[in-house]
Amino acid sequence: MTAIRVVPANEASWEDLQAIFGTRGAASRCQCQRYKLQPREFFAGFPVEERAHRLRQQTDCGHPESGVTSGLVAYLDDEPAGWCAVEPRTAYGGLVRNNRVPWEGRAEDKADDSVWAVTCLFTRVGFRKRGISRALARAAVAFARERGARAIEAYPMTTTKNLILEELHVGTEGVFAAAGLTEVSRPTLRRVVMRVEFD
């Protein structure tokens, strides 16, 4: 029987996180920086090495004593298998500045840092369809709750047979529903806002 273990990213090594992203494809290029851009920065404006440098600072990989991190790493039988970006919604400047996802049709305070967000849910090539995303989504809910969040949100794609696999880095409705999140809005035809409130 396989065992999935999820740890805060600062308790994982940087090498393990990079093994999850791989050396080709969108994850290796993005380094989970799309929603972390500062005002007037554009994604193609800085090289992948700079994106990786920023992610390394954000996650504080390899420093379990620090307790500061911006994500979770999943292991399957001790092999690095998945990544989840989760932290206060205010940490994602690109998300806060977006006019549609997740804000359209909602009266939300964009400066409310008690609401957390999952912006990326990525499973390593060769480890997919083995429960990694579901384990990460459940762990993200617990992680946010333990750190004082009053709610956590996710912004999955609605799945269609024409969906490109790379687009699923935000997760699917089913994955987040299994973690207890429910739909609160559909700001676009293909994106859903899902959320769970903590008591």
N, C-alpha and C. Protein backbone atom coordinates (compact mmCIF):
# COMPACT_ATOMS: atom_id res chain seq x y z
N MET A 1 0.84 -1.19 0.00
CA MET A 1 0.00 0.00 0.00
C MET A 1 0.88 1.24 0.00
N THR A 2 0.53 2.21 -0.86
CA THR A 2 1.32 3.42 -0.94
C THR A 2 0.93 4.38 0.18
N ALA A 3 1.91 5.15 0.63
CA ALA A 3 1.68 6.12 1.70
C ALA A 3 1.98 7.52 1.20
N ILE A 4 1.01 8.42 1.34
CA ILE A 4 1.20 9.83 0.96
C ILE A 4 1.43 10.62 2.24
N ARG A 5 2.48 11.41 2.22
CA ARG A 5 2.82 12.27 3.36
C ARG A 5 2.94 13.69 2.84
N VAL A 6 2.34 14.66 3.54
CA VAL A 6 2.39 16.06 3.13
C VAL A 6 3.06 16.87 4.24
N VAL A 7 4.03 17.69 3.86
CA VAL A 7 4.76 18.51 4.84
C VAL A 7 4.80 19.96 4.37
N PRO A 8 4.92 20.92 5.30
CA PRO A 8 5.17 22.30 4.90
C PRO A 8 6.45 22.36 4.06
N ALA A 9 6.46 23.22 3.06
CA ALA A 9 7.59 23.24 2.12
C ALA A 9 8.93 23.51 2.79
N ASN A 10 8.94 24.24 3.89
CA ASN A 10 10.22 24.49 4.56
C ASN A 10 10.80 23.22 5.18
N GLU A 11 9.96 22.18 5.33
CA GLU A 11 10.45 20.91 5.84
C GLU A 11 10.91 19.97 4.73
N ALA A 12 10.74 20.40 3.48
CA ALA A 12 11.22 19.64 2.32
C ALA A 12 12.50 20.27 1.81
N SER A 13 13.26 19.52 1.05
CA SER A 13 14.48 20.10 0.47
C SER A 13 14.14 20.83 -0.82
N TRP A 14 14.98 21.77 -1.17
CA TRP A 14 14.82 22.50 -2.42
C TRP A 14 14.94 21.53 -3.60
N GLU A 15 15.81 20.57 -3.50
CA GLU A 15 16.00 19.58 -4.56
C GLU A 15 14.72 18.76 -4.77
N ASP A 16 14.02 18.45 -3.69
CA ASP A 16 12.77 17.70 -3.82
C ASP A 16 11.71 18.53 -4.54
N LEU A 17 11.61 19.80 -4.19
CA LEU A 17 10.62 20.66 -4.84
C LEU A 17 10.93 20.80 -6.33
N GLN A 18 12.20 20.96 -6.67
CA GLN A 18 12.56 21.08 -8.07
C GLN A 18 12.35 19.76 -8.83
N ALA A 19 12.50 18.65 -8.15
CA ALA A 19 12.21 17.36 -8.78
C ALA A 19 10.73 17.26 -9.15
N ILE A 20 9.86 17.82 -8.33
CA ILE A 20 8.43 17.83 -8.62
C ILE A 20 8.16 18.66 -9.87
N PHE A 21 8.75 19.82 -9.97
CA PHE A 21 8.52 20.70 -11.13
C PHE A 21 9.15 20.16 -12.40
N GLY A 22 10.22 19.39 -12.26
CA GLY A 22 10.88 18.83 -13.44
C GLY A 22 11.72 19.87 -14.17
N THR A 23 12.23 19.48 -15.32
CA THR A 23 13.12 20.37 -16.09
C THR A 23 12.49 20.86 -17.38
N ARG A 24 11.28 20.36 -17.68
CA ARG A 24 10.56 20.81 -18.88
C ARG A 24 9.11 21.11 -18.49
N GLY A 25 8.43 21.85 -19.33
CA GLY A 25 7.03 22.12 -19.09
C GLY A 25 6.79 23.40 -18.31
N ALA A 26 5.51 23.73 -18.16
CA ALA A 26 5.12 25.01 -17.57
C ALA A 26 5.58 25.15 -16.12
N ALA A 27 5.49 24.09 -15.32
CA ALA A 27 5.85 24.20 -13.90
C ALA A 27 7.32 24.57 -13.72
N SER A 28 8.19 23.98 -14.52
CA SER A 28 9.61 24.28 -14.39
C SER A 28 9.92 25.72 -14.78
N ARG A 29 9.14 26.25 -15.71
CA ARG A 29 9.35 27.64 -16.12
C ARG A 29 8.68 28.64 -15.17
N CYS A 30 7.51 28.30 -14.70
CA CYS A 30 6.73 29.23 -13.86
C CYS A 30 7.34 29.39 -12.47
N GLN A 31 7.74 28.27 -11.85
CA GLN A 31 8.26 28.28 -10.48
C GLN A 31 7.24 28.94 -9.53
N CYS A 32 5.98 28.77 -9.88
CA CYS A 32 4.86 29.25 -9.06
C CYS A 32 4.92 30.75 -8.78
N GLN A 33 5.27 31.52 -9.80
CA GLN A 33 5.41 32.97 -9.63
C GLN A 33 4.33 33.79 -10.35
N ARG A 34 3.45 33.16 -11.11
CA ARG A 34 2.48 33.93 -11.89
C ARG A 34 1.65 34.86 -11.03
N TYR A 35 1.18 34.41 -9.89
CA TYR A 35 0.36 35.26 -9.02
C TYR A 35 1.18 36.07 -8.03
N LYS A 36 2.49 35.92 -8.08
CA LYS A 36 3.35 36.63 -7.14
C LYS A 36 4.01 37.87 -7.74
N LEU A 37 3.69 38.18 -8.99
CA LEU A 37 4.30 39.33 -9.65
C LEU A 37 3.94 40.62 -8.93
N GLN A 38 4.89 41.54 -8.90
CA GLN A 38 4.67 42.85 -8.32
C GLN A 38 4.06 43.78 -9.38
N PRO A 39 3.48 44.91 -8.95
CA PRO A 39 2.95 45.86 -9.94
C PRO A 39 4.03 46.24 -10.97
N ARG A 40 3.62 46.26 -12.20
CA ARG A 40 4.47 46.61 -13.37
C ARG A 40 5.48 45.53 -13.74
N GLU A 41 5.50 44.42 -13.03
CA GLU A 41 6.30 43.29 -13.48
C GLU A 41 5.48 42.49 -14.48
N PHE A 42 6.15 41.89 -15.44
CA PHE A 42 5.45 41.01 -16.36
C PHE A 42 6.22 39.69 -16.41
N PHE A 43 5.46 38.63 -16.66
CA PHE A 43 6.00 37.28 -16.46
C PHE A 43 7.26 37.01 -17.28
N ALA A 44 7.27 37.46 -18.52
CA ALA A 44 8.43 37.20 -19.37
C ALA A 44 9.60 38.14 -19.08
N GLY A 45 9.40 39.05 -18.13
CA GLY A 45 10.40 40.08 -17.88
C GLY A 45 11.54 39.67 -16.98
N PHE A 46 11.49 38.48 -16.41
CA PHE A 46 12.64 38.04 -15.63
C PHE A 46 12.84 36.55 -15.84
N PRO A 47 14.08 36.12 -15.84
CA PRO A 47 14.40 34.73 -16.23
C PRO A 47 13.95 33.71 -15.19
N VAL A 48 13.89 32.46 -15.62
CA VAL A 48 13.45 31.38 -14.75
C VAL A 48 14.34 31.27 -13.51
N GLU A 49 15.61 31.61 -13.63
CA GLU A 49 16.49 31.55 -12.47
C GLU A 49 16.03 32.52 -11.37
N GLU A 50 15.55 33.70 -11.79
CA GLU A 50 15.04 34.67 -10.82
C GLU A 50 13.73 34.18 -10.21
N ARG A 51 12.88 33.55 -11.02
CA ARG A 51 11.63 32.99 -10.50
C ARG A 51 11.93 31.91 -9.45
N ALA A 52 12.91 31.04 -9.77
CA ALA A 52 13.29 29.99 -8.83
C ALA A 52 13.86 30.58 -7.54
N HIS A 53 14.66 31.62 -7.68
CA HIS A 53 15.23 32.29 -6.51
C HIS A 53 14.12 32.82 -5.60
N ARG A 54 13.12 33.44 -6.20
CA ARG A 54 12.00 33.97 -5.42
C ARG A 54 11.24 32.85 -4.72
N LEU A 55 10.99 31.76 -5.44
CA LEU A 55 10.26 30.65 -4.84
C LEU A 55 11.05 30.08 -3.66
N ARG A 56 12.35 29.98 -3.84
CA ARG A 56 13.17 29.43 -2.75
C ARG A 56 13.06 30.29 -1.50
N GLN A 57 13.04 31.60 -1.68
CA GLN A 57 12.87 32.50 -0.54
C GLN A 57 11.48 32.36 0.07
N GLN A 58 10.46 32.24 -0.78
CA GLN A 58 9.07 32.15 -0.31
C GLN A 58 8.81 30.87 0.47
N THR A 59 9.39 29.76 0.01
CA THR A 59 9.14 28.47 0.66
C THR A 59 10.05 28.22 1.85
N ASP A 60 11.25 28.80 1.81
CA ASP A 60 12.27 28.56 2.83
C ASP A 60 12.58 27.07 2.94
N CYS A 61 12.61 26.39 1.79
CA CYS A 61 12.90 24.95 1.76
C CYS A 61 14.19 24.64 2.50
N GLY A 62 14.17 23.51 3.19
CA GLY A 62 15.36 23.04 3.88
C GLY A 62 15.59 23.67 5.24
N HIS A 63 14.64 24.47 5.73
CA HIS A 63 14.79 25.13 7.03
C HIS A 63 13.57 24.86 7.91
N PRO A 64 13.42 23.62 8.37
CA PRO A 64 12.24 23.27 9.16
C PRO A 64 12.09 24.07 10.44
N GLU A 65 13.20 24.57 10.95
CA GLU A 65 13.14 25.33 12.19
C GLU A 65 12.50 26.70 12.02
N SER A 66 12.47 27.21 10.79
CA SER A 66 11.98 28.58 10.58
C SER A 66 10.47 28.68 10.73
N GLY A 67 9.74 27.65 10.31
CA GLY A 67 8.29 27.69 10.41
C GLY A 67 7.63 28.64 9.44
N VAL A 68 8.41 29.26 8.56
CA VAL A 68 7.87 30.20 7.58
C VAL A 68 7.90 29.54 6.21
N THR A 69 6.76 29.50 5.55
CA THR A 69 6.73 28.89 4.23
C THR A 69 5.46 29.31 3.50
N SER A 70 5.43 29.03 2.20
CA SER A 70 4.27 29.43 1.40
C SER A 70 3.68 28.25 0.64
N GLY A 71 3.87 27.05 1.15
CA GLY A 71 3.30 25.93 0.42
C GLY A 71 3.52 24.61 1.12
N LEU A 72 3.07 23.55 0.42
CA LEU A 72 3.16 22.19 0.93
C LEU A 72 3.78 21.29 -0.12
N VAL A 73 4.49 20.28 0.33
CA VAL A 73 5.10 19.29 -0.55
C VAL A 73 4.58 17.91 -0.15
N ALA A 74 4.15 17.15 -1.16
CA ALA A 74 3.65 15.79 -0.91
C ALA A 74 4.70 14.78 -1.33
N TYR A 75 4.77 13.70 -0.56
CA TYR A 75 5.66 12.57 -0.86
C TYR A 75 4.80 11.32 -1.00
N LEU A 76 5.14 10.52 -1.97
CA LEU A 76 4.52 9.21 -2.14
C LEU A 76 5.61 8.17 -1.93
N ASP A 77 5.47 7.39 -0.88
CA ASP A 77 6.52 6.42 -0.51
C ASP A 77 7.89 7.08 -0.48
N ASP A 78 7.93 8.26 0.14
CA ASP A 78 9.17 9.04 0.34
C ASP A 78 9.76 9.64 -0.93
N GLU A 79 9.05 9.56 -2.05
CA GLU A 79 9.48 10.23 -3.29
C GLU A 79 8.71 11.54 -3.42
N PRO A 80 9.40 12.66 -3.72
CA PRO A 80 8.68 13.93 -3.89
C PRO A 80 7.69 13.83 -5.04
N ALA A 81 6.42 14.15 -4.76
CA ALA A 81 5.37 13.86 -5.74
C ALA A 81 4.44 15.02 -6.06
N GLY A 82 4.31 16.01 -5.19
CA GLY A 82 3.36 17.07 -5.48
C GLY A 82 3.63 18.35 -4.70
N TRP A 83 3.05 19.44 -5.20
CA TRP A 83 3.24 20.78 -4.65
C TRP A 83 1.90 21.49 -4.56
N CYS A 84 1.71 22.25 -3.50
CA CYS A 84 0.52 23.08 -3.33
C CYS A 84 0.96 24.45 -2.84
N ALA A 85 0.60 25.51 -3.58
CA ALA A 85 0.86 26.88 -3.13
C ALA A 85 -0.34 27.31 -2.29
N VAL A 86 -0.11 27.60 -1.03
CA VAL A 86 -1.19 28.02 -0.13
C VAL A 86 -0.64 29.00 0.90
N GLU A 87 -1.29 30.13 0.99
CA GLU A 87 -0.94 31.16 1.96
C GLU A 87 -2.04 32.22 1.96
N PRO A 88 -1.94 33.26 2.79
CA PRO A 88 -2.98 34.28 2.77
C PRO A 88 -3.19 34.84 1.37
N ARG A 89 -4.43 35.06 1.02
CA ARG A 89 -4.80 35.53 -0.32
C ARG A 89 -4.07 36.83 -0.67
N THR A 90 -3.82 37.67 0.33
CA THR A 90 -3.15 38.96 0.10
C THR A 90 -1.72 38.79 -0.38
N ALA A 91 -1.12 37.60 -0.19
CA ALA A 91 0.26 37.35 -0.64
C ALA A 91 0.36 37.22 -2.15
N TYR A 92 -0.78 37.03 -2.81
CA TYR A 92 -0.80 36.84 -4.26
C TYR A 92 -1.21 38.14 -4.95
N GLY A 93 -0.23 39.01 -5.16
CA GLY A 93 -0.51 40.32 -5.75
C GLY A 93 -1.23 40.24 -7.07
N GLY A 94 -0.82 39.29 -7.92
CA GLY A 94 -1.47 39.15 -9.22
C GLY A 94 -2.92 38.75 -9.11
N LEU A 95 -3.23 37.97 -8.11
CA LEU A 95 -4.61 37.57 -7.86
C LEU A 95 -5.42 38.75 -7.34
N VAL A 96 -4.84 39.50 -6.42
CA VAL A 96 -5.54 40.66 -5.85
C VAL A 96 -5.84 41.70 -6.93
N ARG A 97 -4.92 41.85 -7.89
CA ARG A 97 -5.11 42.86 -8.94
C ARG A 97 -6.00 42.39 -10.08
N ASN A 98 -6.30 41.10 -10.15
CA ASN A 98 -7.15 40.58 -11.22
C ASN A 98 -8.57 41.10 -11.04
N ASN A 99 -9.19 41.49 -12.14
CA ASN A 99 -10.54 42.05 -12.04
C ASN A 99 -11.63 41.00 -12.07
N ARG A 100 -11.32 39.79 -12.53
CA ARG A 100 -12.37 38.77 -12.67
C ARG A 100 -12.25 37.64 -11.66
N VAL A 101 -11.17 36.88 -11.73
CA VAL A 101 -10.99 35.75 -10.82
C VAL A 101 -10.13 36.20 -9.65
N PRO A 102 -10.63 36.12 -8.43
CA PRO A 102 -11.88 35.50 -7.99
C PRO A 102 -12.98 36.50 -7.64
N TRP A 103 -12.86 37.74 -8.06
CA TRP A 103 -13.66 38.81 -7.47
C TRP A 103 -15.03 39.05 -8.12
N GLU A 104 -15.19 38.76 -9.38
CA GLU A 104 -16.42 39.15 -10.08
C GLU A 104 -17.66 38.57 -9.40
N GLY A 105 -18.64 39.45 -9.15
CA GLY A 105 -19.88 39.02 -8.54
C GLY A 105 -19.81 38.81 -7.04
N ARG A 106 -18.74 39.26 -6.40
CA ARG A 106 -18.57 39.07 -4.96
C ARG A 106 -18.21 40.38 -4.29
N ALA A 107 -18.64 40.54 -3.06
CA ALA A 107 -18.29 41.72 -2.27
C ALA A 107 -17.25 41.29 -1.24
N GLU A 108 -16.02 41.17 -1.67
CA GLU A 108 -14.93 40.69 -0.83
C GLU A 108 -13.94 41.82 -0.55
N ASP A 109 -13.40 41.84 0.64
CA ASP A 109 -12.34 42.77 1.00
C ASP A 109 -11.02 42.17 0.52
N LYS A 110 -10.44 42.78 -0.50
CA LYS A 110 -9.20 42.24 -1.06
C LYS A 110 -8.03 42.31 -0.09
N ALA A 111 -8.14 43.14 0.93
CA ALA A 111 -7.04 43.30 1.90
C ALA A 111 -7.19 42.38 3.10
N ASP A 112 -8.19 41.51 3.11
CA ASP A 112 -8.45 40.63 4.24
C ASP A 112 -7.47 39.45 4.21
N ASP A 113 -6.47 39.50 5.09
CA ASP A 113 -5.47 38.43 5.07
C ASP A 113 -5.86 37.23 5.92
N SER A 114 -7.09 37.22 6.44
CA SER A 114 -7.56 36.03 7.16
C SER A 114 -8.17 35.00 6.20
N VAL A 115 -8.32 35.39 4.92
CA VAL A 115 -8.76 34.46 3.90
C VAL A 115 -7.51 33.95 3.18
N TRP A 116 -7.34 32.65 3.15
CA TRP A 116 -6.21 32.04 2.47
C TRP A 116 -6.62 31.54 1.11
N ALA A 117 -5.63 31.26 0.27
CA ALA A 117 -5.92 30.82 -1.09
C ALA A 117 -4.95 29.72 -1.52
N VAL A 118 -5.48 28.80 -2.31
CA VAL A 118 -4.68 27.79 -3.01
C VAL A 118 -4.63 28.24 -4.46
N THR A 119 -3.44 28.57 -4.94
CA THR A 119 -3.31 29.04 -6.32
C THR A 119 -2.67 28.03 -7.25
N CYS A 120 -2.06 27.00 -6.68
CA CYS A 120 -1.42 25.98 -7.52
C CYS A 120 -1.49 24.63 -6.82
N LEU A 121 -1.81 23.63 -7.60
CA LEU A 121 -1.86 22.25 -7.12
C LEU A 121 -1.25 21.42 -8.24
N PHE A 122 -0.03 20.96 -8.03
CA PHE A 122 0.71 20.34 -9.12
C PHE A 122 1.25 18.98 -8.70
N THR A 123 0.98 17.98 -9.53
CA THR A 123 1.49 16.63 -9.28
C THR A 123 2.58 16.31 -10.29
N ARG A 124 3.65 15.77 -9.80
CA ARG A 124 4.82 15.42 -10.62
C ARG A 124 4.46 14.38 -11.69
N VAL A 125 5.08 14.52 -12.84
CA VAL A 125 4.93 13.53 -13.90
C VAL A 125 5.33 12.16 -13.36
N GLY A 126 4.50 11.17 -13.65
CA GLY A 126 4.76 9.82 -13.17
C GLY A 126 4.07 9.49 -11.85
N PHE A 127 3.46 10.51 -11.22
CA PHE A 127 2.80 10.31 -9.93
C PHE A 127 1.32 10.68 -9.99
N ARG A 128 0.82 10.98 -11.18
CA ARG A 128 -0.56 11.43 -11.30
C ARG A 128 -1.55 10.28 -11.17
N LYS A 129 -2.79 10.66 -10.83
CA LYS A 129 -3.90 9.70 -10.65
C LYS A 129 -3.63 8.71 -9.52
N ARG A 130 -2.95 9.20 -8.49
CA ARG A 130 -2.65 8.35 -7.34
C ARG A 130 -3.04 9.02 -6.02
N GLY A 131 -3.88 10.05 -6.10
CA GLY A 131 -4.41 10.69 -4.90
C GLY A 131 -3.59 11.84 -4.35
N ILE A 132 -2.55 12.24 -5.07
CA ILE A 132 -1.67 13.31 -4.58
C ILE A 132 -2.42 14.63 -4.45
N SER A 133 -3.16 15.05 -5.49
CA SER A 133 -3.86 16.34 -5.45
C SER A 133 -4.88 16.37 -4.32
N ARG A 134 -5.61 15.28 -4.14
CA ARG A 134 -6.61 15.24 -3.07
C ARG A 134 -5.95 15.34 -1.69
N ALA A 135 -4.83 14.67 -1.52
CA ALA A 135 -4.11 14.76 -0.25
C ALA A 135 -3.60 16.17 0.00
N LEU A 136 -3.09 16.81 -1.04
CA LEU A 136 -2.61 18.18 -0.91
C LEU A 136 -3.75 19.15 -0.58
N ALA A 137 -4.89 19.00 -1.24
CA ALA A 137 -6.03 19.89 -0.98
C ALA A 137 -6.50 19.76 0.46
N ARG A 138 -6.60 18.52 0.95
CA ARG A 138 -7.00 18.31 2.35
C ARG A 138 -5.97 18.93 3.30
N ALA A 139 -4.71 18.73 2.99
CA ALA A 139 -3.65 19.28 3.84
C ALA A 139 -3.65 20.80 3.82
N ALA A 140 -3.97 21.41 2.68
CA ALA A 140 -4.03 22.87 2.58
C ALA A 140 -5.10 23.44 3.50
N VAL A 141 -6.25 22.76 3.54
CA VAL A 141 -7.33 23.20 4.42
C VAL A 141 -6.85 23.16 5.88
N ALA A 142 -6.24 22.07 6.28
CA ALA A 142 -5.75 21.94 7.65
C ALA A 142 -4.65 22.95 7.95
N PHE A 143 -3.76 23.14 6.99
CA PHE A 143 -2.62 24.07 7.13
C PHE A 143 -3.13 25.49 7.39
N ALA A 144 -4.11 25.94 6.59
CA ALA A 144 -4.66 27.28 6.76
C ALA A 144 -5.39 27.42 8.09
N ARG A 145 -6.19 26.42 8.43
CA ARG A 145 -6.94 26.47 9.69
C ARG A 145 -5.99 26.55 10.89
N GLU A 146 -4.95 25.73 10.88
CA GLU A 146 -3.99 25.71 12.00
C GLU A 146 -3.27 27.04 12.16
N ARG A 147 -3.16 27.79 11.08
CA ARG A 147 -2.44 29.06 11.13
C ARG A 147 -3.37 30.27 11.26
N GLY A 148 -4.60 30.01 11.65
CA GLY A 148 -5.51 31.10 11.99
C GLY A 148 -6.38 31.65 10.88
N ALA A 149 -6.40 31.01 9.73
CA ALA A 149 -7.28 31.49 8.66
C ALA A 149 -8.74 31.36 9.08
N ARG A 150 -9.58 32.26 8.61
CA ARG A 150 -11.02 32.11 8.86
C ARG A 150 -11.73 31.45 7.68
N ALA A 151 -11.02 31.37 6.54
CA ALA A 151 -11.56 30.70 5.35
C ALA A 151 -10.41 30.40 4.41
N ILE A 152 -10.65 29.45 3.50
CA ILE A 152 -9.67 29.18 2.44
C ILE A 152 -10.43 29.02 1.13
N GLU A 153 -9.84 29.54 0.06
CA GLU A 153 -10.44 29.50 -1.27
C GLU A 153 -9.52 28.78 -2.25
N ALA A 154 -10.13 28.30 -3.33
CA ALA A 154 -9.40 27.74 -4.46
C ALA A 154 -10.14 28.16 -5.72
N TYR A 155 -9.45 28.10 -6.84
CA TYR A 155 -10.00 28.63 -8.10
C TYR A 155 -9.81 27.62 -9.24
N PRO A 156 -10.42 26.44 -9.10
CA PRO A 156 -10.18 25.39 -10.09
C PRO A 156 -10.79 25.67 -11.45
N MET A 157 -10.29 24.92 -12.43
CA MET A 157 -10.85 24.94 -13.78
C MET A 157 -12.02 23.98 -13.84
N THR A 158 -13.03 24.33 -14.63
CA THR A 158 -14.05 23.35 -14.94
C THR A 158 -13.46 22.43 -15.99
N THR A 159 -13.56 21.14 -15.79
CA THR A 159 -12.90 20.20 -16.69
C THR A 159 -13.76 19.89 -17.91
N THR A 160 -13.11 19.84 -19.05
CA THR A 160 -13.74 19.44 -20.31
C THR A 160 -12.78 18.49 -21.00
N LYS A 161 -13.26 17.78 -21.99
CA LYS A 161 -12.36 16.84 -22.67
C LYS A 161 -11.30 17.56 -23.49
N ASN A 162 -11.49 18.86 -23.74
CA ASN A 162 -10.50 19.63 -24.50
C ASN A 162 -9.50 20.34 -23.59
N LEU A 163 -9.63 20.15 -22.30
CA LEU A 163 -8.75 20.84 -21.37
C LEU A 163 -7.31 20.37 -21.53
N ILE A 164 -6.41 21.32 -21.58
CA ILE A 164 -4.97 21.01 -21.67
C ILE A 164 -4.47 20.67 -20.27
N LEU A 165 -3.71 19.59 -20.14
CA LEU A 165 -3.25 19.12 -18.84
C LEU A 165 -2.55 20.22 -18.05
N GLU A 166 -1.76 21.05 -18.71
CA GLU A 166 -1.02 22.10 -18.02
C GLU A 166 -1.95 23.08 -17.32
N GLU A 167 -3.22 23.22 -17.81
CA GLU A 167 -4.15 24.15 -17.21
C GLU A 167 -4.64 23.69 -15.85
N LEU A 168 -4.42 22.43 -15.54
CA LEU A 168 -4.93 21.88 -14.29
C LEU A 168 -4.04 22.19 -13.10
N HIS A 169 -3.06 23.08 -13.25
CA HIS A 169 -2.22 23.45 -12.12
C HIS A 169 -3.03 24.14 -11.02
N VAL A 170 -4.26 24.55 -11.32
CA VAL A 170 -5.11 25.17 -10.30
C VAL A 170 -6.05 24.15 -9.67
N GLY A 171 -5.99 22.90 -10.10
CA GLY A 171 -6.82 21.86 -9.53
C GLY A 171 -8.18 21.75 -10.21
N THR A 172 -8.95 20.78 -9.78
CA THR A 172 -10.28 20.54 -10.34
C THR A 172 -11.33 20.69 -9.24
N GLU A 173 -12.56 20.88 -9.66
CA GLU A 173 -13.66 21.02 -8.70
C GLU A 173 -13.74 19.81 -7.78
N GLY A 174 -13.63 18.61 -8.34
CA GLY A 174 -13.77 17.40 -7.54
C GLY A 174 -12.72 17.28 -6.45
N VAL A 175 -11.51 17.69 -6.75
CA VAL A 175 -10.42 17.63 -5.76
C VAL A 175 -10.75 18.52 -4.57
N PHE A 176 -11.22 19.73 -4.83
CA PHE A 176 -11.50 20.65 -3.73
C PHE A 176 -12.81 20.31 -3.02
N ALA A 177 -13.78 19.80 -3.75
CA ALA A 177 -15.02 19.36 -3.11
C ALA A 177 -14.73 18.25 -2.10
N ALA A 178 -13.82 17.34 -2.46
CA ALA A 178 -13.45 16.25 -1.56
C ALA A 178 -12.76 16.76 -0.30
N ALA A 179 -12.19 17.98 -0.37
CA ALA A 179 -11.53 18.58 0.79
C ALA A 179 -12.48 19.47 1.59
N GLY A 180 -13.75 19.53 1.18
CA GLY A 180 -14.75 20.28 1.93
C GLY A 180 -15.08 21.65 1.41
N LEU A 181 -14.51 22.05 0.27
CA LEU A 181 -14.83 23.37 -0.29
C LEU A 181 -16.09 23.27 -1.15
N THR A 182 -16.87 24.35 -1.18
CA THR A 182 -18.06 24.39 -2.01
C THR A 182 -18.02 25.62 -2.90
N GLU A 183 -18.74 25.54 -4.01
CA GLU A 183 -18.76 26.63 -4.99
C GLU A 183 -19.43 27.87 -4.41
N VAL A 184 -18.78 29.03 -4.61
CA VAL A 184 -19.40 30.30 -4.21
C VAL A 184 -19.66 31.21 -5.41
N SER A 185 -18.94 31.02 -6.51
CA SER A 185 -19.20 31.81 -7.71
C SER A 185 -18.51 31.19 -8.91
N ARG A 186 -18.91 31.67 -10.11
CA ARG A 186 -18.28 31.28 -11.37
C ARG A 186 -17.95 32.55 -12.13
N PRO A 187 -16.78 33.12 -11.87
CA PRO A 187 -16.44 34.40 -12.49
C PRO A 187 -16.21 34.33 -13.99
N THR A 188 -15.87 33.16 -14.51
CA THR A 188 -15.72 32.98 -15.96
C THR A 188 -16.34 31.64 -16.32
N LEU A 189 -16.41 31.37 -17.59
CA LEU A 189 -16.99 30.10 -18.04
C LEU A 189 -16.19 28.90 -17.56
N ARG A 190 -14.89 29.10 -17.35
CA ARG A 190 -14.03 27.96 -17.04
C ARG A 190 -13.44 27.96 -15.64
N ARG A 191 -13.74 29.00 -14.85
CA ARG A 191 -13.17 29.06 -13.51
C ARG A 191 -14.26 29.11 -12.45
N VAL A 192 -14.03 28.39 -11.37
CA VAL A 192 -14.96 28.33 -10.25
C VAL A 192 -14.24 28.81 -9.00
N VAL A 193 -14.92 29.58 -8.17
CA VAL A 193 -14.39 29.94 -6.86
C VAL A 193 -15.02 28.99 -5.86
N MET A 194 -14.18 28.27 -5.13
CA MET A 194 -14.65 27.34 -4.10
C MET A 194 -14.05 27.76 -2.77
N ARG A 195 -14.79 27.50 -1.69
CA ARG A 195 -14.37 28.05 -0.41
C ARG A 195 -14.92 27.20 0.74
N VAL A 196 -14.21 27.23 1.85
CA VAL A 196 -14.73 26.68 3.10
C VAL A 196 -14.45 27.70 4.20
N GLU A 197 -15.46 27.94 5.03
CA GLU A 197 -15.33 28.84 6.18
C GLU A 197 -14.99 28.00 7.40
N PHE A 198 -14.13 28.52 8.26
CA PHE A 198 -13.80 27.84 9.51
C PHE A 198 -14.58 28.48 10.64
N ASP A 199 -14.98 27.66 11.59
CA ASP A 199 -15.75 28.17 12.74
C ASP A 199 -14.85 28.92 13.69
